[in-house]
Amino acid sequence: MPSPYKRGRSGYSEADEVAAERNAMLERRISSDALRRKNAGERGIVMSSDEVDARTRNTRANYLDRLSTEAGREQNVKNESFAREVDLPAANSRAQYESEKEAGDPNALRMSFAEWKKL
């Protein structure tokens, strides 16, 4: 019977690589949002497109590095939980509607919140 543990290109399991990529994309979304707010004129934000890329690469690498210990795996869970709290508004919430409207989503721009929520 073949092992359910399949190594990916990096030497980690394919599931670990997918999880690392998911965390990296969460960080990219958070950092990109900060860059967008900075470019829109919000004060107090220091971010560049190079930093967004570096944060994404570092998040992926750090996730994989922390897999070697139990404490590191717990830290990965905490980091992902925190990133999700920071990044994603609750589904079909007013915050998500406002966020999508601000981002220029055509449905949010042309529909009221009540209409949009029914999509």
N, C-alpha and C. Protein backbone atom coordinates (compact mmCIF):
# COMPACT_ATOMS: atom_id res chain seq x y z
N MET A 1 0.86 -1.18 0.00
CA MET A 1 0.00 0.00 0.00
C MET A 1 0.90 1.24 0.00
N PRO A 2 0.67 2.16 -0.95
CA PRO A 2 1.50 3.37 -1.00
C PRO A 2 1.22 4.29 0.17
N SER A 3 2.24 5.01 0.55
CA SER A 3 2.13 5.93 1.66
C SER A 3 1.25 7.12 1.30
N PRO A 4 0.39 7.55 2.21
CA PRO A 4 -0.43 8.74 1.92
C PRO A 4 0.41 10.01 1.93
N TYR A 5 1.64 9.91 2.46
CA TYR A 5 2.52 11.07 2.53
C TYR A 5 3.26 11.19 1.21
N LYS A 6 2.89 12.13 0.38
CA LYS A 6 3.54 12.33 -0.91
C LYS A 6 4.41 13.57 -0.83
N ARG A 7 5.66 13.39 -1.16
CA ARG A 7 6.58 14.52 -1.15
C ARG A 7 6.37 15.36 -2.39
N GLY A 8 6.41 16.68 -2.17
CA GLY A 8 6.33 17.62 -3.28
C GLY A 8 7.73 18.01 -3.72
N ARG A 9 7.84 19.02 -4.55
CA ARG A 9 9.13 19.46 -5.09
C ARG A 9 10.08 19.92 -4.00
N SER A 10 9.58 20.53 -2.94
CA SER A 10 10.45 21.10 -1.91
C SER A 10 10.91 20.08 -0.88
N GLY A 11 10.40 18.86 -0.96
CA GLY A 11 10.74 17.87 0.04
C GLY A 11 9.70 17.75 1.14
N TYR A 12 8.81 18.69 1.23
CA TYR A 12 7.70 18.62 2.18
C TYR A 12 6.55 17.90 1.50
N SER A 13 5.56 17.51 2.25
CA SER A 13 4.42 16.84 1.64
C SER A 13 3.66 17.82 0.77
N GLU A 14 2.92 17.27 -0.17
CA GLU A 14 2.12 18.13 -1.06
C GLU A 14 1.10 18.93 -0.26
N ALA A 15 0.54 18.31 0.77
CA ALA A 15 -0.43 19.03 1.61
C ALA A 15 0.23 20.20 2.34
N ASP A 16 1.47 19.98 2.81
CA ASP A 16 2.20 21.06 3.48
C ASP A 16 2.51 22.19 2.51
N GLU A 17 2.87 21.83 1.28
CA GLU A 17 3.15 22.86 0.28
C GLU A 17 1.91 23.67 -0.05
N VAL A 18 0.76 23.00 -0.14
CA VAL A 18 -0.50 23.70 -0.40
C VAL A 18 -0.82 24.64 0.76
N ALA A 19 -0.64 24.17 1.98
CA ALA A 19 -0.91 25.00 3.16
C ALA A 19 0.03 26.21 3.20
N ALA A 20 1.30 25.99 2.86
CA ALA A 20 2.26 27.10 2.84
C ALA A 20 1.87 28.12 1.78
N GLU A 21 1.44 27.65 0.63
CA GLU A 21 1.01 28.56 -0.44
C GLU A 21 -0.23 29.33 -0.04
N ARG A 22 -1.17 28.65 0.64
CA ARG A 22 -2.39 29.32 1.12
C ARG A 22 -2.03 30.45 2.09
N ASN A 23 -1.11 30.19 2.99
CA ASN A 23 -0.68 31.22 3.94
C ASN A 23 0.03 32.36 3.23
N ALA A 24 0.84 32.03 2.23
CA ALA A 24 1.53 33.07 1.48
C ALA A 24 0.53 33.96 0.74
N MET A 25 -0.52 33.37 0.19
CA MET A 25 -1.52 34.16 -0.53
C MET A 25 -2.33 35.03 0.43
N LEU A 26 -2.58 34.53 1.63
CA LEU A 26 -3.24 35.37 2.64
C LEU A 26 -2.37 36.59 2.95
N GLU A 27 -1.08 36.36 3.14
CA GLU A 27 -0.16 37.47 3.42
C GLU A 27 -0.10 38.43 2.24
N ARG A 28 -0.11 37.91 1.02
CA ARG A 28 -0.09 38.78 -0.16
C ARG A 28 -1.34 39.66 -0.19
N ARG A 29 -2.49 39.09 0.13
CA ARG A 29 -3.72 39.88 0.13
C ARG A 29 -3.68 40.97 1.18
N ILE A 30 -3.20 40.62 2.38
CA ILE A 30 -3.12 41.60 3.46
C ILE A 30 -2.15 42.71 3.09
N SER A 31 -0.96 42.33 2.62
CA SER A 31 0.07 43.32 2.27
C SER A 31 -0.36 44.17 1.08
N SER A 32 -1.00 43.54 0.10
CA SER A 32 -1.47 44.29 -1.07
C SER A 32 -2.54 45.31 -0.68
N ASP A 33 -3.38 44.92 0.29
CA ASP A 33 -4.39 45.86 0.78
C ASP A 33 -3.72 47.05 1.45
N ALA A 34 -2.68 46.80 2.23
CA ALA A 34 -1.95 47.90 2.88
C ALA A 34 -1.30 48.79 1.83
N LEU A 35 -0.73 48.20 0.79
CA LEU A 35 -0.12 48.98 -0.29
C LEU A 35 -1.18 49.81 -1.02
N ARG A 36 -2.34 49.21 -1.27
CA ARG A 36 -3.43 49.94 -1.94
C ARG A 36 -3.88 51.13 -1.09
N ARG A 37 -3.99 50.91 0.23
CA ARG A 37 -4.39 52.01 1.11
C ARG A 37 -3.33 53.10 1.14
N LYS A 38 -2.05 52.70 1.14
CA LYS A 38 -0.96 53.68 1.10
C LYS A 38 -1.03 54.51 -0.18
N ASN A 39 -1.22 53.82 -1.30
CA ASN A 39 -1.29 54.52 -2.60
C ASN A 39 -2.52 55.41 -2.71
N ALA A 40 -3.55 55.09 -1.93
CA ALA A 40 -4.76 55.92 -1.93
C ALA A 40 -4.59 57.15 -1.03
N GLY A 41 -3.44 57.24 -0.33
CA GLY A 41 -3.17 58.43 0.46
C GLY A 41 -3.27 58.26 1.95
N GLU A 42 -3.53 57.05 2.43
CA GLU A 42 -3.62 56.84 3.87
C GLU A 42 -2.25 57.03 4.50
N ARG A 43 -2.22 57.76 5.58
CA ARG A 43 -0.94 58.06 6.24
C ARG A 43 -0.56 56.95 7.21
N GLY A 44 0.76 56.87 7.47
CA GLY A 44 1.26 55.94 8.47
C GLY A 44 1.54 54.54 7.95
N ILE A 45 1.40 54.32 6.66
CA ILE A 45 1.66 53.00 6.10
C ILE A 45 2.95 53.06 5.30
N VAL A 46 3.85 52.15 5.60
CA VAL A 46 5.10 52.05 4.86
C VAL A 46 5.09 50.69 4.16
N MET A 47 4.90 50.70 2.85
CA MET A 47 4.80 49.45 2.10
C MET A 47 5.17 49.74 0.66
N SER A 48 5.82 48.79 0.02
CA SER A 48 6.13 48.90 -1.40
C SER A 48 5.79 47.56 -2.05
N SER A 49 5.75 47.54 -3.37
CA SER A 49 5.43 46.29 -4.06
C SER A 49 6.53 45.26 -3.82
N ASP A 50 7.78 45.71 -3.67
CA ASP A 50 8.87 44.78 -3.36
C ASP A 50 8.67 44.15 -1.98
N GLU A 51 8.17 44.94 -1.03
CA GLU A 51 7.93 44.41 0.30
C GLU A 51 6.78 43.41 0.29
N VAL A 52 5.77 43.66 -0.53
CA VAL A 52 4.67 42.71 -0.65
C VAL A 52 5.22 41.36 -1.13
N ASP A 53 6.08 41.39 -2.16
CA ASP A 53 6.67 40.16 -2.67
C ASP A 53 7.54 39.47 -1.62
N ALA A 54 8.35 40.25 -0.91
CA ALA A 54 9.23 39.68 0.11
C ALA A 54 8.43 39.06 1.25
N ARG A 55 7.37 39.72 1.68
CA ARG A 55 6.54 39.18 2.76
C ARG A 55 5.89 37.87 2.33
N THR A 56 5.48 37.80 1.07
CA THR A 56 4.85 36.58 0.56
C THR A 56 5.86 35.43 0.56
N ARG A 57 7.05 35.67 0.04
CA ARG A 57 8.09 34.62 0.01
C ARG A 57 8.46 34.19 1.42
N ASN A 58 8.65 35.17 2.32
CA ASN A 58 9.05 34.85 3.69
C ASN A 58 7.98 34.07 4.44
N THR A 59 6.73 34.42 4.21
CA THR A 59 5.64 33.70 4.88
C THR A 59 5.64 32.24 4.47
N ARG A 60 5.80 31.99 3.18
CA ARG A 60 5.83 30.61 2.68
C ARG A 60 7.01 29.85 3.29
N ALA A 61 8.20 30.43 3.23
CA ALA A 61 9.40 29.77 3.75
C ALA A 61 9.30 29.54 5.26
N ASN A 62 8.82 30.54 5.99
CA ASN A 62 8.71 30.40 7.44
C ASN A 62 7.71 29.33 7.82
N TYR A 63 6.61 29.23 7.08
CA TYR A 63 5.60 28.20 7.35
C TYR A 63 6.24 26.82 7.25
N LEU A 64 6.96 26.59 6.17
CA LEU A 64 7.59 25.29 5.97
C LEU A 64 8.67 25.01 7.02
N ASP A 65 9.45 26.02 7.37
CA ASP A 65 10.50 25.84 8.39
C ASP A 65 9.91 25.45 9.75
N ARG A 66 8.76 26.02 10.08
CA ARG A 66 8.17 25.76 11.40
C ARG A 66 7.50 24.38 11.49
N LEU A 67 7.40 23.66 10.40
CA LEU A 67 6.77 22.34 10.43
C LEU A 67 7.58 21.30 11.20
N SER A 68 8.84 21.57 11.44
CA SER A 68 9.71 20.56 12.05
C SER A 68 9.47 20.36 13.55
N THR A 69 8.78 21.28 14.20
CA THR A 69 8.52 21.13 15.64
C THR A 69 7.04 21.29 15.94
N GLU A 70 6.63 20.73 17.05
CA GLU A 70 5.23 20.86 17.48
C GLU A 70 4.88 22.33 17.74
N ALA A 71 5.79 23.04 18.42
CA ALA A 71 5.56 24.46 18.70
C ALA A 71 5.45 25.26 17.41
N GLY A 72 6.25 24.90 16.43
CA GLY A 72 6.20 25.59 15.14
C GLY A 72 4.88 25.34 14.42
N ARG A 73 4.40 24.10 14.48
CA ARG A 73 3.11 23.79 13.85
C ARG A 73 1.97 24.54 14.54
N GLU A 74 2.05 24.65 15.87
CA GLU A 74 1.04 25.43 16.60
C GLU A 74 1.11 26.90 16.20
N GLN A 75 2.32 27.41 16.01
CA GLN A 75 2.48 28.80 15.59
C GLN A 75 1.90 29.01 14.20
N ASN A 76 2.06 28.04 13.30
CA ASN A 76 1.47 28.14 11.97
C ASN A 76 -0.05 28.26 12.05
N VAL A 77 -0.65 27.47 12.92
CA VAL A 77 -2.11 27.52 13.10
C VAL A 77 -2.53 28.90 13.61
N LYS A 78 -1.81 29.40 14.61
CA LYS A 78 -2.13 30.72 15.17
C LYS A 78 -1.96 31.82 14.13
N ASN A 79 -0.87 31.75 13.35
CA ASN A 79 -0.63 32.76 12.33
C ASN A 79 -1.72 32.76 11.26
N GLU A 80 -2.13 31.57 10.83
CA GLU A 80 -3.18 31.51 9.81
C GLU A 80 -4.50 32.04 10.36
N SER A 81 -4.80 31.69 11.60
CA SER A 81 -6.03 32.16 12.23
C SER A 81 -6.03 33.69 12.30
N PHE A 82 -4.91 34.26 12.72
CA PHE A 82 -4.80 35.71 12.81
C PHE A 82 -4.93 36.36 11.43
N ALA A 83 -4.27 35.79 10.44
CA ALA A 83 -4.32 36.35 9.08
C ALA A 83 -5.75 36.33 8.55
N ARG A 84 -6.48 35.27 8.83
CA ARG A 84 -7.87 35.20 8.37
C ARG A 84 -8.74 36.25 9.07
N GLU A 85 -8.49 36.48 10.34
CA GLU A 85 -9.24 37.52 11.06
C GLU A 85 -8.97 38.89 10.47
N VAL A 86 -7.71 39.15 10.15
CA VAL A 86 -7.31 40.45 9.61
C VAL A 86 -7.80 40.62 8.18
N ASP A 87 -7.74 39.54 7.41
CA ASP A 87 -7.95 39.62 5.97
C ASP A 87 -9.40 39.57 5.53
N LEU A 88 -10.13 38.61 5.99
CA LEU A 88 -11.42 38.32 5.39
C LEU A 88 -12.59 38.79 6.24
N PRO A 89 -13.40 39.68 5.70
CA PRO A 89 -14.63 40.01 6.43
C PRO A 89 -15.59 38.82 6.37
N ALA A 90 -16.50 38.76 7.29
CA ALA A 90 -17.47 37.67 7.32
C ALA A 90 -18.24 37.63 6.01
N ALA A 91 -18.51 36.43 5.53
CA ALA A 91 -19.21 36.26 4.27
C ALA A 91 -20.59 36.92 4.32
N ASN A 92 -20.94 37.59 3.23
CA ASN A 92 -22.23 38.27 3.07
C ASN A 92 -22.50 39.30 4.16
N SER A 93 -21.45 39.88 4.70
CA SER A 93 -21.61 40.90 5.72
C SER A 93 -21.54 42.29 5.08
N ARG A 94 -21.96 43.27 5.82
CA ARG A 94 -21.87 44.65 5.37
C ARG A 94 -20.42 45.02 5.10
N ALA A 95 -19.51 44.52 5.95
CA ALA A 95 -18.08 44.80 5.78
C ALA A 95 -17.56 44.24 4.46
N GLN A 96 -17.99 43.03 4.10
CA GLN A 96 -17.56 42.45 2.83
C GLN A 96 -18.13 43.25 1.66
N TYR A 97 -19.38 43.64 1.77
CA TYR A 97 -20.02 44.44 0.72
C TYR A 97 -19.27 45.76 0.53
N GLU A 98 -18.98 46.46 1.62
CA GLU A 98 -18.24 47.72 1.53
C GLU A 98 -16.84 47.51 0.96
N SER A 99 -16.20 46.42 1.38
CA SER A 99 -14.86 46.11 0.89
C SER A 99 -14.88 45.86 -0.61
N GLU A 100 -15.83 45.09 -1.08
CA GLU A 100 -15.92 44.80 -2.51
C GLU A 100 -16.33 46.04 -3.30
N LYS A 101 -17.16 46.85 -2.72
CA LYS A 101 -17.56 48.10 -3.38
C LYS A 101 -16.36 49.02 -3.53
N GLU A 102 -15.56 49.12 -2.46
CA GLU A 102 -14.36 49.95 -2.48
C GLU A 102 -13.34 49.44 -3.49
N ALA A 103 -13.29 48.11 -3.66
CA ALA A 103 -12.35 47.49 -4.59
C ALA A 103 -12.82 47.61 -6.04
N GLY A 104 -14.07 48.04 -6.24
CA GLY A 104 -14.59 48.25 -7.58
C GLY A 104 -15.36 47.09 -8.16
N ASP A 105 -15.83 46.19 -7.32
CA ASP A 105 -16.62 45.06 -7.80
C ASP A 105 -17.89 45.57 -8.47
N PRO A 106 -18.13 45.20 -9.75
CA PRO A 106 -19.29 45.73 -10.47
C PRO A 106 -20.63 45.41 -9.81
N ASN A 107 -20.75 44.20 -9.25
CA ASN A 107 -22.01 43.83 -8.59
C ASN A 107 -22.26 44.71 -7.37
N ALA A 108 -21.23 44.94 -6.58
CA ALA A 108 -21.40 45.76 -5.38
C ALA A 108 -21.67 47.21 -5.75
N LEU A 109 -21.09 47.66 -6.85
CA LEU A 109 -21.29 49.05 -7.25
C LEU A 109 -22.70 49.32 -7.75
N ARG A 110 -23.30 48.37 -8.43
CA ARG A 110 -24.61 48.63 -9.03
C ARG A 110 -25.79 48.13 -8.19
N MET A 111 -25.52 47.36 -7.14
CA MET A 111 -26.61 46.79 -6.34
C MET A 111 -26.60 47.36 -4.93
N SER A 112 -27.78 47.33 -4.34
CA SER A 112 -27.87 47.68 -2.93
C SER A 112 -27.34 46.50 -2.12
N PHE A 113 -27.09 46.73 -0.84
CA PHE A 113 -26.59 45.65 0.02
C PHE A 113 -27.56 44.47 0.03
N ALA A 114 -28.85 44.75 0.13
CA ALA A 114 -29.86 43.68 0.18
C ALA A 114 -29.85 42.85 -1.10
N GLU A 115 -29.74 43.52 -2.24
CA GLU A 115 -29.70 42.80 -3.53
C GLU A 115 -28.41 41.99 -3.64
N TRP A 116 -27.29 42.61 -3.28
CA TRP A 116 -25.98 41.97 -3.38
C TRP A 116 -25.91 40.73 -2.50
N LYS A 117 -26.52 40.80 -1.33
CA LYS A 117 -26.47 39.70 -0.37
C LYS A 117 -27.17 38.44 -0.91
N LYS A 118 -28.12 38.62 -1.82
CA LYS A 118 -28.86 37.50 -2.39
C LYS A 118 -28.10 36.76 -3.48
N LEU A 119 -26.97 37.32 -3.94
CA LEU A 119 -26.20 36.66 -5.01
C LEU A 119 -25.71 35.29 -4.64
